[in-house]
């Protein structure tokens, strides 16, 4: 059986029988306590330091990250981060891409460990050195 889940509408759709059913989420107390501690998301600026996303953006990123982990075991998503600019977020590679300029930057979740954030940044630079700073002209 193949199902499609719509977590906004909280329904499941059986592709074979075309049946739609309501679903619900039951959160255990321990899980709820962890969920109350919101993750902090940050992006790497041009000088290699990490800047935190705003509270709304961090909350949206965490929601998409949790959805991606639950639904597809890691994924990408795209949305307007500031209401204007379209970004694509790749949670497997942990980077964001500005879809207008094609500029990619590393992102980190809960970057409390500076050593981990630095290692992620160095790995990103090593893998993308020729790509950084190159902007594609708009067509």
Protein backbone atom coordinates (compact mmCIF):
# COMPACT_ATOMS: atom_id res chain seq x y z
CA UNK A 1 0.00 0.00 0.00
CA UNK A 2 1.16 3.49 -0.78
CA UNK A 3 0.05 6.39 1.38
CA UNK A 4 0.51 10.14 1.06
CA UNK A 5 0.49 12.10 4.28
CA UNK A 6 -0.58 15.74 4.55
CA UNK A 7 0.66 16.98 7.91
CA UNK A 8 -0.89 20.42 7.46
CA UNK A 9 -4.36 18.91 6.98
CA UNK A 10 -3.48 15.91 9.22
CA UNK A 11 -4.78 13.34 6.72
CA UNK A 12 -3.50 10.24 4.98
CA UNK A 13 -4.45 9.31 1.43
CA UNK A 14 -4.36 5.71 0.21
CA UNK A 15 -3.16 5.95 -3.39
CA UNK A 16 -4.66 2.58 -4.36
CA UNK A 17 -8.14 2.91 -2.83
CA UNK A 18 -8.34 6.73 -2.91
CA UNK A 19 -9.44 6.68 0.75
CA UNK A 20 -8.69 9.74 2.90
CA UNK A 21 -8.48 9.35 6.67
CA UNK A 22 -7.80 11.78 9.46
CA UNK A 23 -4.60 11.28 11.43
CA UNK A 24 -3.44 12.69 14.73
CA UNK A 25 -0.19 12.99 16.56
CA UNK A 26 0.19 11.90 20.15
CA UNK A 27 3.22 13.38 21.86
CA UNK A 28 4.74 11.62 24.85
CA UNK A 29 5.68 13.80 27.81
CA UNK A 30 9.44 13.31 27.30
CA UNK A 31 9.14 14.18 23.62
CA UNK A 32 7.11 17.28 24.44
CA UNK A 33 9.77 18.49 26.89
CA UNK A 34 12.41 18.15 24.15
CA UNK A 35 10.15 19.93 21.64
CA UNK A 36 9.72 22.84 24.03
CA UNK A 37 13.47 23.47 23.80
CA UNK A 38 13.59 25.01 20.37
CA UNK A 39 16.59 24.39 18.23
CA UNK A 40 18.66 27.37 17.20
CA UNK A 41 19.63 27.59 13.54
CA UNK A 42 22.52 29.68 12.22
CA UNK A 43 24.06 30.46 8.84
CA UNK A 44 27.70 31.05 7.98
CA UNK A 45 28.52 34.53 6.71
CA UNK A 46 31.40 35.46 4.38
CA UNK A 47 33.99 35.74 7.16
CA UNK A 48 33.23 32.24 8.50
CA UNK A 49 31.31 33.24 11.61
CA UNK A 50 27.81 31.96 12.28
CA UNK A 51 24.86 34.30 12.54
CA UNK A 52 21.63 33.06 14.13
CA UNK A 53 18.46 33.08 12.08
CA UNK A 54 15.60 35.06 13.60
CA UNK A 55 13.16 33.32 15.93
CA UNK A 56 10.49 32.81 13.24
CA UNK A 57 12.98 31.53 10.68
CA UNK A 58 14.56 29.19 13.23
CA UNK A 59 11.14 27.82 14.16
CA UNK A 60 10.26 27.28 10.48
CA UNK A 61 13.61 25.59 9.80
CA UNK A 62 13.16 23.30 12.79
CA UNK A 63 9.65 22.38 11.64
CA UNK A 64 10.89 21.57 8.12
CA UNK A 65 13.90 19.69 9.52
CA UNK A 66 11.67 17.54 11.72
CA UNK A 67 9.29 16.87 8.82
CA UNK A 68 12.17 15.93 6.54
CA UNK A 69 13.68 13.60 9.15
CA UNK A 70 10.34 11.91 9.80
CA UNK A 71 9.04 11.67 6.26
CA UNK A 72 12.06 11.18 4.04
CA UNK A 73 15.03 10.54 6.34
CA UNK A 74 16.62 13.80 5.27
CA UNK A 75 15.59 16.09 2.47
CA UNK A 76 15.48 19.52 0.97
CA UNK A 77 12.79 22.14 1.17
CA UNK A 78 12.37 25.59 -0.33
CA UNK A 79 10.53 28.61 1.01
CA UNK A 80 10.73 32.37 1.34
CA UNK A 81 12.79 32.89 4.46
CA UNK A 82 12.27 36.62 4.86
CA UNK A 83 9.03 36.80 2.91
CA UNK A 84 10.93 37.94 -0.18
CA UNK A 85 13.93 35.73 -0.95
CA UNK A 86 13.50 32.09 -1.99
CA UNK A 87 15.94 29.71 -0.33
CA UNK A 88 16.46 25.99 -0.66
CA UNK A 89 17.60 24.17 2.46
CA UNK A 90 19.38 20.83 2.17
CA UNK A 91 19.30 19.12 5.55
CA UNK A 92 21.56 16.24 4.47
CA UNK A 93 24.36 18.57 3.35
CA UNK A 94 23.35 21.24 5.92
CA UNK A 95 23.48 24.20 3.57
CA UNK A 96 21.14 26.86 2.25
CA UNK A 97 21.03 28.11 -1.31
CA UNK A 98 19.68 31.48 -2.38
CA UNK A 99 17.64 30.56 -5.46
CA UNK A 100 18.02 34.04 -6.99
CA UNK A 101 21.81 34.26 -6.78
CA UNK A 102 22.69 30.54 -6.49
CA UNK A 103 24.89 31.40 -3.48
CA UNK A 104 25.26 28.48 -1.05
CA UNK A 105 26.19 28.75 2.61
CA UNK A 106 26.56 26.24 5.43
CA UNK A 107 23.89 26.13 8.11
CA UNK A 108 24.03 24.52 11.55
CA UNK A 109 21.43 23.38 14.03
CA UNK A 110 22.14 24.16 17.69
CA UNK A 111 25.70 25.33 17.01
CA UNK A 112 26.61 25.37 20.71
CA UNK A 113 29.73 23.37 19.96
CA UNK A 114 31.97 25.85 18.16
CA UNK A 115 34.36 23.06 17.16
CA UNK A 116 31.61 21.19 15.29
CA UNK A 117 30.41 24.35 13.56
CA UNK A 118 33.98 25.16 12.52
CA UNK A 119 34.53 21.63 11.18
CA UNK A 120 31.29 21.82 9.17
CA UNK A 121 32.42 25.17 7.75
CA UNK A 122 35.89 23.86 6.80
CA UNK A 123 34.37 20.79 5.11
CA UNK A 124 31.95 23.00 3.20
CA UNK A 125 34.75 25.31 2.04
CA UNK A 126 36.90 22.38 0.92
CA UNK A 127 34.02 20.85 -1.07
CA UNK A 128 32.81 24.13 -2.60
CA UNK A 129 35.87 26.37 -2.92
CA UNK A 130 35.54 27.01 -6.67
CA UNK A 131 31.83 27.75 -6.30
CA UNK A 132 31.98 30.35 -3.53
CA UNK A 133 31.79 33.96 -4.59
CA UNK A 134 30.68 33.12 -8.11
CA UNK A 135 27.32 34.60 -8.88
CA UNK A 136 25.33 33.61 -11.89
CA UNK A 137 23.86 36.49 -13.89
CA UNK A 138 20.09 36.80 -13.80
CA UNK A 139 18.39 35.89 -17.00
